Structures are given as C-alpha cells and as structure tokens.
Amino acid sequence: MKIKKLCSYLLISACVFSCAFTFTSCKTYKKTADGYELTRYKTTEKGVRIPSTYKGKPVTSIGKKAFAEFRDMTTLIIPSTVTHIGEDAFLFCVNLGMVYYEGSATQWAQIEFENEYANPIFYSRDIYFHNHELASYVILEEGLTEINDYAFKGCESLKKIVVPSSVTTIGKEAFMFCSNLYDVVLSHGVTTIKERAFSVGGWSITATIPASVTTIGNEAFAAS
C-alpha cells in the first residue's frame, strides 16, 4: 500500500518547513520584513515553480544556496514577487535549460543578485518573460533607474537592448558574456557604466556612449 506522509509546519529559529513526502518537494522559508524568503528547496522533480506567496505573504527573496548543486533541475519558473536572490543560489545547477520569469524584463533588471551564481541565466543562457517571449530584443521601460549587477550576464539569446533615459546606472557585469548582443542603445541620462558591464569577450558590439556618462568602469566594453 502506498503511504503518503505530510510534514506539518514547524517553526524553528524563524524557519518554516513545508514538506510533502511521496517525495515531491520540501521548502524551507524564513520570515522577512516584506514577506518570506525561500531559503531551501528540495524536490525529486526536474521542473521547479517557486511559489509567489506563503501564508498569505509574498515570497520576495531566494536565499543563499537555496538551489545549490540541484543538478537535476531543468526548468525553473520564478514569480515576479522576487526582488532579491542570495549568493550562490543556483550554484552548480548545470542542467538548467529553461528559466521563465513571470514579470517583465524591466522588473528582472531590478532584481538584486548577490553574485553571478545568484542568477540562473548563468547556466540556462537565456530567459523567457511573462509574455512568453525569449529575451532577444529587449526594450526596458521608462521609470527604471538602474540595471542591477549581473542582471543579464551570460544571456546568449539577447541580441539588442534599449536602455531608457530614466536609467542612470548600468551594473557590474550586467551584460557580460552576452555572446550574441550586437546592438546597445543607451539614452541620455546614463551617468555610470560599471566594470565589465558590456565585456562580451572576443567580439565587438555597437554602442554609442552618450555625453551624460561620467564614469566608465574597468573593462566596461572589453572585447576579451
């Protein structure tokens, strides 16, 4: 006879465990000021959908090493509620082939990634947004003020990016290793381009740097 066990909710040092044993998944949460952080996710399934809410509150953060070494994961869906992803959250997720984000490219650009392994694009090499379109020709929306560090790093599907005039800062390694990025449209308003922001490695891109730019980091446009 098949036996199913359901783990009850446990509160241990502000961490909440929600497990379902057949075994399908086990999620660990931590309460934060604005909702919950998903601190650990284990599953026997290859496709993962991160919940947008827990106990009626939004899941706004993915914790440090939350999916680290989850080598079986091939598909990942991230809700638009997520605004922060911790260090090494997706470290060694080497078989991750598709990432789908339920928000827009503009929202994605605002997520705080603590390092390159916090961004699942590092392994998937592309990303789909809420309109089911692959990130290829991306026009970011007015109102965005900063493209955060590592935002599109390694996104091989990205070919053109249009940055609105509201953006003042382009983060560290934001477009590094975007191997098919050939056209960058920077509007007047950008003042800072951080280190290796457009360091694509071994090839060149077309970009006109507006007069508003006052700071360009090391190797911001390095070709190798």
Protein backbone atom coordinates (compact mmCIF):
# COMPACT_ATOMS: atom_id res chain seq x y z
CA MET A 1 0.00 0.00 0.00
CA LYS A 2 1.37 3.41 -0.97
CA ILE A 3 1.86 5.56 2.08
CA LYS A 4 1.94 9.32 1.97
CA LYS A 5 3.36 11.41 4.73
CA LEU A 6 2.75 15.11 5.03
CA CYS A 7 5.16 17.14 7.13
CA SER A 8 3.50 19.56 9.49
CA TYR A 9 4.60 23.14 9.61
CA LEU A 10 7.43 23.68 12.08
CA LEU A 11 8.78 26.94 13.33
CA ILE A 12 12.47 26.55 14.17
CA SER A 13 14.65 29.63 14.53
CA ALA A 14 12.24 31.60 12.34
CA CYS A 15 12.49 28.97 9.57
CA VAL A 16 9.32 27.31 8.36
CA PHE A 17 9.40 23.87 6.79
CA SER A 18 6.75 22.73 4.36
CA CYS A 19 7.34 19.20 3.07
CA ALA A 20 5.23 16.78 1.14
CA PHE A 21 6.53 13.25 1.04
CA THR A 22 5.80 10.96 -1.76
CA PHE A 23 8.59 12.56 -2.12
CA THR A 24 7.78 15.61 -4.30
CA SER A 25 9.18 18.71 -2.64
CA CYS A 26 10.42 20.25 0.57
CA LYS A 27 10.60 24.01 1.00
CA THR A 28 12.13 26.00 3.82
CA TYR A 29 11.07 29.60 4.46
CA LYS A 30 12.25 32.45 6.65
CA LYS A 31 10.13 35.44 7.65
CA THR A 32 11.41 38.79 6.40
CA ALA A 33 10.27 42.40 6.77
CA ASP A 34 8.36 42.35 3.49
CA GLY A 35 7.25 38.71 3.24
CA TYR A 36 9.16 35.44 3.10
CA GLU A 37 12.49 34.20 1.85
CA LEU A 38 12.70 30.76 0.29
CA THR A 39 15.86 29.50 1.99
CA ARG A 40 15.97 25.96 0.63
CA TYR A 41 14.10 23.94 -1.98
CA LYS A 42 14.49 20.21 -2.49
CA THR A 43 12.48 18.10 -4.88
CA THR A 44 12.52 14.89 -6.88
CA GLU A 45 11.03 16.72 -9.86
CA LYS A 46 13.09 18.32 -12.62
CA GLY A 47 10.73 21.24 -13.10
CA VAL A 48 10.50 23.80 -10.31
CA ARG A 49 7.94 26.54 -9.81
CA ILE A 50 8.82 28.90 -6.98
CA PRO A 51 5.65 29.94 -5.10
CA SER A 52 4.68 33.61 -5.24
CA THR A 53 3.13 33.54 -1.76
CA TYR A 54 3.47 31.72 1.53
CA LYS A 55 0.99 32.05 4.38
CA GLY A 56 -0.67 34.91 2.53
CA LYS A 57 2.56 36.90 2.21
CA PRO A 58 4.71 37.37 -0.90
CA VAL A 59 7.86 35.36 -1.48
CA THR A 60 10.28 38.20 -2.16
CA SER A 61 13.65 36.55 -1.77
CA ILE A 62 15.54 33.38 -2.68
CA GLY A 63 18.16 32.63 -0.06
CA LYS A 64 21.86 31.87 -0.23
CA LYS A 65 22.49 28.47 -1.86
CA ALA A 66 18.74 27.76 -1.92
CA PHE A 67 19.11 25.55 -5.05
CA ALA A 68 22.87 24.96 -4.90
CA GLU A 69 24.00 21.72 -6.55
CA PHE A 70 20.48 20.83 -7.66
CA ARG A 71 21.89 19.24 -10.80
CA ASP A 72 18.64 17.54 -11.87
CA MET A 73 16.69 20.78 -12.31
CA THR A 74 15.99 21.52 -15.97
CA THR A 75 13.17 24.06 -15.80
CA LEU A 76 12.64 26.98 -13.39
CA ILE A 77 9.71 29.38 -13.00
CA ILE A 78 10.31 32.48 -10.87
CA PRO A 79 7.41 34.71 -9.72
CA SER A 80 7.51 38.47 -10.22
CA THR A 81 7.34 38.94 -6.44
CA VAL A 82 11.03 38.03 -6.11
CA THR A 83 13.26 41.09 -5.74
CA HIS A 84 16.41 39.60 -4.21
CA ILE A 85 18.39 36.40 -4.89
CA GLY A 86 21.15 35.40 -2.49
CA GLU A 87 24.73 34.40 -3.09
CA ASP A 88 25.25 31.11 -4.96
CA ALA A 89 21.50 30.44 -5.03
CA PHE A 90 21.85 28.42 -8.24
CA LEU A 91 25.46 27.27 -7.91
CA PHE A 92 26.18 24.13 -10.00
CA CYS A 93 22.63 23.92 -11.42
CA VAL A 94 24.43 22.75 -14.54
CA ASN A 95 21.46 21.17 -16.34
CA LEU A 96 19.15 24.14 -16.06
CA GLY A 97 17.88 24.65 -19.59
CA MET A 98 14.90 27.00 -19.31
CA VAL A 99 14.13 29.90 -16.99
CA TYR A 100 10.73 31.56 -17.10
CA TYR A 101 10.17 34.81 -15.18
CA GLU A 102 6.57 35.84 -14.55
CA GLY A 103 7.41 39.55 -14.64
CA SER A 104 8.85 41.83 -17.30
CA ALA A 105 12.41 42.40 -18.45
CA THR A 106 12.32 45.74 -16.62
CA GLN A 107 11.40 44.03 -13.36
CA TRP A 108 14.12 41.44 -13.90
CA ALA A 109 16.70 44.20 -14.33
CA GLN A 110 15.79 45.46 -10.84
CA ILE A 111 16.37 42.16 -9.01
CA GLU A 112 19.31 42.30 -6.62
CA PHE A 113 21.64 39.41 -7.47
CA GLU A 114 24.34 38.93 -4.84
CA ASN A 115 26.74 37.30 -7.29
CA GLU A 116 26.77 35.70 -10.74
CA TYR A 117 25.64 32.33 -9.37
CA ALA A 118 22.58 34.02 -7.91
CA ASN A 119 21.34 34.50 -11.46
CA PRO A 120 20.02 31.30 -13.10
CA ILE A 121 20.84 32.74 -16.54
CA PHE A 122 24.45 31.82 -15.77
CA TYR A 123 23.50 28.20 -16.53
CA SER A 124 20.37 28.43 -18.69
CA ARG A 125 21.95 31.03 -21.03
CA ASP A 126 18.55 32.58 -21.78
CA ILE A 127 15.30 33.63 -20.13
CA TYR A 128 11.62 33.98 -21.03
CA PHE A 129 9.45 36.76 -19.64
CA HIS A 130 5.73 37.00 -18.80
CA ASN A 131 4.69 37.38 -22.44
CA HIS A 132 6.37 34.01 -23.19
CA GLU A 133 8.92 35.77 -25.37
CA LEU A 134 12.56 34.82 -25.28
CA ALA A 135 14.86 37.67 -24.24
CA SER A 136 16.17 38.65 -27.65
CA TYR A 137 15.20 42.22 -28.49
CA VAL A 138 14.60 43.88 -25.12
CA ILE A 139 13.23 47.39 -24.63
CA LEU A 140 13.40 48.38 -20.97
CA GLU A 141 10.66 50.67 -19.69
CA GLU A 142 10.90 54.31 -18.62
CA GLY A 143 10.98 54.67 -14.85
CA LEU A 144 13.74 52.13 -14.41
CA THR A 145 16.72 53.88 -12.77
CA GLU A 146 19.34 51.14 -12.56
CA ILE A 147 20.14 47.86 -14.28
CA ASN A 148 21.48 45.83 -11.40
CA ASP A 149 24.74 43.86 -11.26
CA TYR A 150 24.73 40.57 -13.22
CA ALA A 151 21.17 41.18 -14.47
CA PHE A 152 21.60 39.64 -17.94
CA LYS A 153 25.06 38.11 -17.59
CA GLY A 154 25.56 35.22 -19.98
CA CYS A 155 22.22 35.69 -21.76
CA GLU A 156 23.14 34.26 -25.17
CA SER A 157 19.68 34.86 -26.63
CA LEU A 158 19.96 38.64 -26.13
CA LYS A 159 20.71 40.48 -29.38
CA LYS A 160 19.63 44.06 -28.74
CA ILE A 161 18.97 46.10 -25.61
CA VAL A 162 17.35 49.55 -25.47
CA VAL A 163 18.02 51.45 -22.25
CA PRO A 164 15.58 54.29 -21.40
CA SER A 165 16.58 57.82 -20.37
CA SER A 166 15.48 57.20 -16.77
CA VAL A 167 18.38 54.75 -16.25
CA THR A 168 21.42 56.36 -14.63
CA THR A 169 23.48 53.28 -13.76
CA ILE A 170 24.33 50.05 -15.55
CA GLY A 171 25.57 47.49 -13.07
CA LYS A 172 28.71 45.42 -12.85
CA GLU A 173 28.82 42.63 -15.43
CA ALA A 174 25.18 43.34 -16.27
CA PHE A 175 25.61 42.17 -19.89
CA MET A 176 28.91 40.33 -19.65
CA PHE A 177 29.23 37.28 -21.92
CA CYS A 178 26.03 38.07 -23.82
CA SER A 179 27.61 36.43 -26.83
CA ASN A 180 25.01 37.50 -29.42
CA LEU A 181 24.49 41.06 -28.20
CA TYR A 182 25.42 43.30 -31.11
CA ASP A 183 23.38 46.48 -30.56
CA VAL A 184 23.18 48.57 -27.39
CA VAL A 185 21.05 51.73 -27.36
CA LEU A 186 21.99 53.98 -24.44
CA SER A 187 19.80 57.02 -23.86
CA HIS A 188 20.97 60.35 -22.42
CA GLY A 189 20.60 60.00 -18.69
CA VAL A 190 23.08 57.21 -18.13
CA THR A 191 25.91 58.54 -15.95
CA THR A 192 27.64 55.36 -14.74
CA ILE A 193 28.65 52.18 -16.55
CA LYS A 194 30.27 49.82 -14.06
CA GLU A 195 33.14 47.40 -14.59
CA ARG A 196 32.76 44.75 -17.29
CA ALA A 197 29.15 45.80 -17.91
CA PHE A 198 29.41 45.02 -21.64
CA SER A 199 32.52 42.84 -21.64
CA VAL A 200 31.32 40.33 -24.19
CA GLY A 201 34.62 38.53 -24.73
CA GLY A 202 36.26 38.07 -28.11
CA TRP A 203 33.77 40.03 -30.25
CA SER A 204 32.50 43.57 -30.55
CA ILE A 205 29.20 45.33 -30.02
CA THR A 206 27.81 48.58 -31.37
CA ALA A 207 27.14 51.19 -28.71
CA THR A 208 27.16 54.98 -28.72
CA ILE A 209 28.12 56.34 -25.32
CA PRO A 210 26.03 59.44 -24.55
CA ALA A 211 27.61 62.64 -23.25
CA SER A 212 25.82 62.18 -19.94
CA VAL A 213 28.19 59.33 -18.99
CA THR A 214 30.77 60.48 -16.44
CA THR A 215 32.04 57.15 -15.08
CA ILE A 216 33.09 54.04 -17.01
CA GLY A 217 34.41 51.10 -15.01
CA ASN A 218 37.36 48.90 -15.86
CA GLU A 219 36.90 46.75 -18.97
CA ALA A 220 33.34 48.00 -19.37
CA PHE A 221 33.48 47.31 -23.11
CA ALA A 222 36.36 44.84 -23.21
CA ALA A 223 36.36 42.50 -26.20
CA SER A 224 38.35 39.77 -24.49
